[in-house]
Amino acid sequence: MIADRTATVTNVVLAGLGGQGVIKASDILADAALRAGLDVKKSEIHGMSQRGGSVTSDVRFGMKVLSPMVPAGEADFLVVLAASEVEVAWPLLRAGGIVLAPDLIPDAELPNKRSLNVALLGALSHYLDIPAETMLDAVRAALPEKLHAVNERAFESGRKLAAATGTIR
């Protein structure tokens, strides 16, 4: 695992376009880290999100986190929901950081196209020292019961694809 409880802070930047579920994904990740007993800080920038504009959210967690913002060049992970946002968010990534982009999850692997955000969280979970079941508990807590099954499948699909392909970029 790349990020573990002994690490000072794990920095995750989620990016995409308005309506893709960037904020929902960051809420789920922050909740999962809290459920795992970690200190969590979160921030978000909506921009023109209601019109499909750029949206980013920073989630930082560890034993003690002082600031919600991920400094440029210090993101351990970029989770990007829109291919057009990869290059926009790239300067935030640290050397050796991991990019989880939408092309990691083929459309055929998604039980529903709207669950890409949860599938990429599943991929991210492969690298974190937060139990997958804890992540899934946070997914369930954030979504209505009628969406649990489809999002659980998306999460597991993303997790398996990350394990099979390894680091992206």
C-alpha atoms as a PDB file:
ATOM      1  CA  MET A   1       0.000   0.000   0.000  1.00  0.00           C
ATOM      2  CA  ILE A   2       1.264   3.456  -0.826  1.00  0.00           C
ATOM      3  CA  ALA A   3      -0.560   5.496   1.819  1.00  0.00           C
ATOM      4  CA  ASP A   4      -0.630   4.151   5.346  1.00  0.00           C
ATOM      5  CA  ARG A   5      -1.459   5.315   8.855  1.00  0.00           C
ATOM      6  CA  THR A   6       2.163   6.183   9.570  1.00  0.00           C
ATOM      7  CA  ALA A   7       2.331   8.643   6.681  1.00  0.00           C
ATOM      8  CA  THR A   8       2.093  12.229   7.797  1.00  0.00           C
ATOM      9  CA  VAL A   9      -0.621  13.215   5.333  1.00  0.00           C
ATOM     10  CA  THR A  10      -2.117  11.632   2.226  1.00  0.00           C
ATOM     11  CA  ASN A  11      -3.092  14.224  -0.381  1.00  0.00           C
ATOM     12  CA  VAL A  12      -5.821  13.477  -2.910  1.00  0.00           C
ATOM     13  CA  VAL A  13      -7.089  15.895  -5.549  1.00  0.00           C
ATOM     14  CA  LEU A  14     -10.326  15.006  -7.307  1.00  0.00           C
ATOM     15  CA  ALA A  15     -11.083  16.873 -10.526  1.00  0.00           C
ATOM     16  CA  GLY A  16     -13.748  16.853 -13.180  1.00  0.00           C
ATOM     17  CA  LEU A  17     -16.623  18.833 -14.597  1.00  0.00           C
ATOM     18  CA  GLY A  18     -19.800  20.025 -12.948  1.00  0.00           C
ATOM     19  CA  GLY A  19     -22.356  17.237 -12.638  1.00  0.00           C
ATOM     20  CA  GLN A  20     -19.846  14.378 -12.658  1.00  0.00           C
ATOM     21  CA  GLY A  21     -19.915  13.789  -8.919  1.00  0.00           C
ATOM     22  CA  VAL A  22     -16.535  15.234  -7.939  1.00  0.00           C
ATOM     23  CA  ILE A  23     -17.928  16.735  -4.732  1.00  0.00           C
ATOM     24  CA  LYS A  24     -19.871  13.565  -3.900  1.00  0.00           C
ATOM     25  CA  ALA A  25     -16.715  11.483  -4.412  1.00  0.00           C
ATOM     26  CA  SER A  26     -14.695  13.792  -2.163  1.00  0.00           C
ATOM     27  CA  ASP A  27     -17.416  13.615   0.501  1.00  0.00           C
ATOM     28  CA  ILE A  28     -17.299   9.814   0.342  1.00  0.00           C
ATOM     29  CA  LEU A  29     -13.489   9.722   0.566  1.00  0.00           C
ATOM     30  CA  ALA A  30     -13.456  12.145   3.505  1.00  0.00           C
ATOM     31  CA  ASP A  31     -16.133  10.106   5.300  1.00  0.00           C
ATOM     32  CA  ALA A  32     -14.203   6.866   4.723  1.00  0.00           C
ATOM     33  CA  ALA A  33     -11.022   8.395   6.164  1.00  0.00           C
ATOM     34  CA  LEU A  34     -12.975   9.613   9.205  1.00  0.00           C
ATOM     35  CA  ARG A  35     -14.501   6.160   9.650  1.00  0.00           C
ATOM     36  CA  ALA A  36     -10.944   4.765   9.579  1.00  0.00           C
ATOM     37  CA  GLY A  37     -10.045   7.004  12.516  1.00  0.00           C
ATOM     38  CA  LEU A  38      -7.976   9.543  10.593  1.00  0.00           C
ATOM     39  CA  ASP A  39      -7.915  13.319  10.813  1.00  0.00           C
ATOM     40  CA  VAL A  40      -9.456  14.736   7.623  1.00  0.00           C
ATOM     41  CA  LYS A  41      -9.571  18.145   5.963  1.00  0.00           C
ATOM     42  CA  LYS A  42     -11.418  18.877   2.723  1.00  0.00           C
ATOM     43  CA  SER A  43     -11.823  21.845   0.405  1.00  0.00           C
ATOM     44  CA  GLU A  44     -13.471  22.381  -2.947  1.00  0.00           C
ATOM     45  CA  ILE A  45     -13.543  24.807  -5.826  1.00  0.00           C
ATOM     46  CA  HIS A  46     -16.737  24.825  -7.848  1.00  0.00           C
ATOM     47  CA  GLY A  47     -15.956  27.380 -10.550  1.00  0.00           C
ATOM     48  CA  MET A  48     -18.743  27.318 -13.112  1.00  0.00           C
ATOM     49  CA  SER A  49     -19.683  23.803 -12.071  1.00  0.00           C
ATOM     50  CA  GLN A  50     -23.386  24.273 -12.618  1.00  0.00           C
ATOM     51  CA  ARG A  51     -22.593  24.781 -16.293  1.00  0.00           C
ATOM     52  CA  GLY A  52     -20.170  21.928 -16.744  1.00  0.00           C
ATOM     53  CA  GLY A  53     -17.114  23.924 -15.706  1.00  0.00           C
ATOM     54  CA  SER A  54     -14.103  22.693 -13.774  1.00  0.00           C
ATOM     55  CA  VAL A  55     -14.592  21.351 -10.265  1.00  0.00           C
ATOM     56  CA  THR A  56     -11.800  20.280  -7.938  1.00  0.00           C
ATOM     57  CA  SER A  57     -11.806  19.033  -4.401  1.00  0.00           C
ATOM     58  CA  ASP A  58      -8.846  18.418  -2.129  1.00  0.00           C
ATOM     59  CA  VAL A  59      -9.021  15.710   0.536  1.00  0.00           C
ATOM     60  CA  ARG A  60      -6.150  15.391   2.999  1.00  0.00           C
ATOM     61  CA  PHE A  61      -6.015  12.761   5.706  1.00  0.00           C
ATOM     62  CA  GLY A  62      -3.570  11.291   8.184  1.00  0.00           C
ATOM     63  CA  MET A  63      -2.896  11.252  11.902  1.00  0.00           C
ATOM     64  CA  LYS A  64      -2.826  15.076  12.016  1.00  0.00           C
ATOM     65  CA  VAL A  65      -3.800  17.384   9.151  1.00  0.00           C
ATOM     66  CA  LEU A  66      -3.379  21.133   9.530  1.00  0.00           C
ATOM     67  CA  SER A  67      -4.654  22.538   6.223  1.00  0.00           C
ATOM     68  CA  PRO A  68      -7.393  21.489   3.784  1.00  0.00           C
ATOM     69  CA  MET A  69      -5.558  22.609   0.635  1.00  0.00           C
ATOM     70  CA  VAL A  70      -3.135  20.358  -1.238  1.00  0.00           C
ATOM     71  CA  PRO A  71      -0.093  22.469  -2.131  1.00  0.00           C
ATOM     72  CA  ALA A  72       0.940  22.497  -5.793  1.00  0.00           C
ATOM     73  CA  GLY A  73       3.211  19.568  -6.553  1.00  0.00           C
ATOM     74  CA  GLU A  74       2.236  17.600  -3.433  1.00  0.00           C
ATOM     75  CA  ALA A  75      -0.792  15.514  -4.455  1.00  0.00           C
ATOM     76  CA  ASP A  76      -0.154  11.822  -3.928  1.00  0.00           C
ATOM     77  CA  PHE A  77      -3.175  11.000  -6.100  1.00  0.00           C
ATOM     78  CA  LEU A  78      -5.138  12.737  -8.839  1.00  0.00           C
ATOM     79  CA  VAL A  79      -8.566  11.214  -9.345  1.00  0.00           C
ATOM     80  CA  VAL A  80      -9.869  12.743 -12.567  1.00  0.00           C
ATOM     81  CA  LEU A  81     -13.399  12.199 -13.865  1.00  0.00           C
ATOM     82  CA  ALA A  82     -13.025  14.114 -17.160  1.00  0.00           C
ATOM     83  CA  ALA A  83     -10.103  13.468 -19.496  1.00  0.00           C
ATOM     84  CA  SER A  84      -9.947  17.200 -20.294  1.00  0.00           C
ATOM     85  CA  GLU A  85      -9.077  17.919 -16.657  1.00  0.00           C
ATOM     86  CA  VAL A  86      -5.992  15.674 -16.431  1.00  0.00           C
ATOM     87  CA  GLU A  87      -3.592  18.289 -17.787  1.00  0.00           C
ATOM     88  CA  VAL A  88      -5.309  21.045 -15.791  1.00  0.00           C
ATOM     89  CA  ALA A  89      -4.722  19.195 -12.502  1.00  0.00           C
ATOM     90  CA  TRP A  90      -1.301  17.788 -13.448  1.00  0.00           C
ATOM     91  CA  PRO A  91       0.761  20.550 -11.726  1.00  0.00           C
ATOM     92  CA  LEU A  92      -0.736  19.460  -8.392  1.00  0.00           C
ATOM     93  CA  LEU A  93       0.782  15.963  -8.629  1.00  0.00           C
ATOM     94  CA  ARG A  94       4.025  15.190  -6.813  1.00  0.00           C
ATOM     95  CA  ALA A  95       6.831  13.316  -8.546  1.00  0.00           C
ATOM     96  CA  GLY A  96       5.893   9.645  -8.394  1.00  0.00           C
ATOM     97  CA  GLY A  97       2.232  10.430  -7.692  1.00  0.00           C
ATOM     98  CA  ILE A  98      -0.564   8.393  -9.230  1.00  0.00           C
ATOM     99  CA  VAL A  99      -3.171   9.574 -11.728  1.00  0.00           C
ATOM    100  CA  LEU A 100      -6.440   7.682 -11.885  1.00  0.00           C
ATOM    101  CA  ALA A 101      -8.109   8.937 -15.053  1.00  0.00           C
ATOM    102  CA  PRO A 102     -11.457   8.005 -16.606  1.00  0.00           C
ATOM    103  CA  ASP A 103      -9.825   5.831 -19.267  1.00  0.00           C
ATOM    104  CA  LEU A 104      -8.913   3.379 -16.494  1.00  0.00           C
ATOM    105  CA  ILE A 105     -12.583   2.343 -16.361  1.00  0.00           C
ATOM    106  CA  PRO A 106     -13.965   1.188 -19.734  1.00  0.00           C
ATOM    107  CA  ASP A 107     -17.624   2.103 -20.266  1.00  0.00           C
ATOM    108  CA  ALA A 108     -18.438  -1.613 -20.521  1.00  0.00           C
ATOM    109  CA  GLU A 109     -17.196  -2.071 -16.932  1.00  0.00           C
ATOM    110  CA  LEU A 110     -19.556   0.548 -15.538  1.00  0.00           C
ATOM    111  CA  PRO A 111     -22.960  -0.712 -14.447  1.00  0.00           C
ATOM    112  CA  ASN A 112     -24.137   2.900 -14.860  1.00  0.00           C
ATOM    113  CA  LYS A 113     -22.195   5.782 -16.470  1.00  0.00           C
ATOM    114  CA  ARG A 114     -23.059   8.014 -13.513  1.00  0.00           C
ATOM    115  CA  SER A 115     -21.087   5.715 -11.212  1.00  0.00           C
ATOM    116  CA  LEU A 116     -17.673   6.590 -12.700  1.00  0.00           C
ATOM    117  CA  ASN A 117     -16.858   8.619  -9.588  1.00  0.00           C
ATOM    118  CA  VAL A 118     -17.444   5.599  -7.340  1.00  0.00           C
ATOM    119  CA  ALA A 119     -15.528   3.307  -9.718  1.00  0.00           C
ATOM    120  CA  LEU A 120     -12.517   5.643  -9.520  1.00  0.00           C
ATOM    121  CA  LEU A 121     -12.835   5.677  -5.724  1.00  0.00           C
ATOM    122  CA  GLY A 122     -12.656   1.893  -5.913  1.00  0.00           C
ATOM    123  CA  ALA A 123      -9.464   2.220  -7.953  1.00  0.00           C
ATOM    124  CA  LEU A 124      -8.068   4.686  -5.415  1.00  0.00           C
ATOM    125  CA  SER A 125      -8.923   2.328  -2.563  1.00  0.00           C
ATOM    126  CA  HIS A 126      -6.484  -0.195  -4.028  1.00  0.00           C
ATOM    127  CA  TYR A 127      -3.659   2.167  -3.008  1.00  0.00           C
ATOM    128  CA  LEU A 128      -4.905   3.332   0.394  1.00  0.00           C
ATOM    129  CA  ASP A 129      -4.650   1.843   3.842  1.00  0.00           C
ATOM    130  CA  ILE A 130      -8.372   2.334   4.373  1.00  0.00           C
ATOM    131  CA  PRO A 131     -10.249  -0.973   4.317  1.00  0.00           C
ATOM    132  CA  ALA A 132     -12.397  -1.463   1.206  1.00  0.00           C
ATOM    133  CA  GLU A 133     -15.385  -2.241   3.425  1.00  0.00           C
ATOM    134  CA  THR A 134     -14.943   1.096   5.187  1.00  0.00           C
ATOM    135  CA  MET A 135     -14.918   2.832   1.817  1.00  0.00           C
ATOM    136  CA  LEU A 136     -18.054   0.940   0.803  1.00  0.00           C
ATOM    137  CA  ASP A 137     -19.748   1.916   4.077  1.00  0.00           C
ATOM    138  CA  ALA A 138     -19.081   5.553   3.187  1.00  0.00           C
ATOM    139  CA  VAL A 139     -20.492   4.989  -0.322  1.00  0.00           C
ATOM    140  CA  ARG A 140     -23.649   3.473   1.157  1.00  0.00           C
ATOM    141  CA  ALA A 141     -24.002   6.313   3.656  1.00  0.00           C
ATOM    142  CA  ALA A 142     -23.760   8.936   0.890  1.00  0.00           C
ATOM    143  CA  LEU A 143     -26.250   7.429  -1.547  1.00  0.00           C
ATOM    144  CA  PRO A 144     -29.882   6.306  -1.433  1.00  0.00           C
ATOM    145  CA  GLU A 145     -30.407   2.586  -0.897  1.00  0.00           C
ATOM    146  CA  LYS A 146     -31.735   2.088  -4.438  1.00  0.00           C
ATOM    147  CA  LEU A 147     -28.267   3.055  -5.756  1.00  0.00           C
ATOM    148  CA  HIS A 148     -26.223   0.836  -3.432  1.00  0.00           C
ATOM    149  CA  ALA A 149     -25.988  -2.272  -5.619  1.00  0.00           C
ATOM    150  CA  VAL A 150     -24.924  -0.462  -8.805  1.00  0.00           C
ATOM    151  CA  ASN A 151     -22.335   1.616  -6.943  1.00  0.00           C
ATOM    152  CA  GLU A 152     -20.956  -1.371  -5.053  1.00  0.00           C
ATOM    153  CA  ARG A 153     -20.410  -3.081  -8.420  1.00  0.00           C
ATOM    154  CA  ALA A 154     -18.752   0.073  -9.805  1.00  0.00           C
ATOM    155  CA  PHE A 155     -16.478   0.309  -6.738  1.00  0.00           C
ATOM    156  CA  GLU A 156     -15.393  -3.332  -7.023  1.00  0.00           C
ATOM    157  CA  SER A 157     -14.833  -2.965 -10.763  1.00  0.00           C
ATOM    158  CA  GLY A 158     -12.562   0.050 -10.234  1.00  0.00           C
ATOM    159  CA  ARG A 159     -10.676  -1.727  -7.469  1.00  0.00           C
ATOM    160  CA  LYS A 160     -10.051  -4.783  -9.659  1.00  0.00           C
ATOM    161  CA  LEU A 161      -8.986  -2.704 -12.660  1.00  0.00           C
ATOM    162  CA  ALA A 162      -6.478  -0.744 -10.547  1.00  0.00           C
ATOM    163  CA  ALA A 163      -5.039  -3.993  -9.182  1.00  0.00           C
ATOM    164  CA  ALA A 164      -4.744  -5.400 -12.705  1.00  0.00           C
ATOM    165  CA  THR A 165      -3.199  -2.355 -14.367  1.00  0.00           C
ATOM    166  CA  GLY A 166      -1.084  -0.814 -11.623  1.00  0.00           C
ATOM    167  CA  THR A 167      -0.008   2.806 -11.732  1.00  0.00           C
ATOM    168  CA  ILE A 168      -1.558   5.008 -14.387  1.00  0.00           C
ATOM    169  CA  ARG A 169       0.878   7.439 -16.034  1.00  0.00           C
END
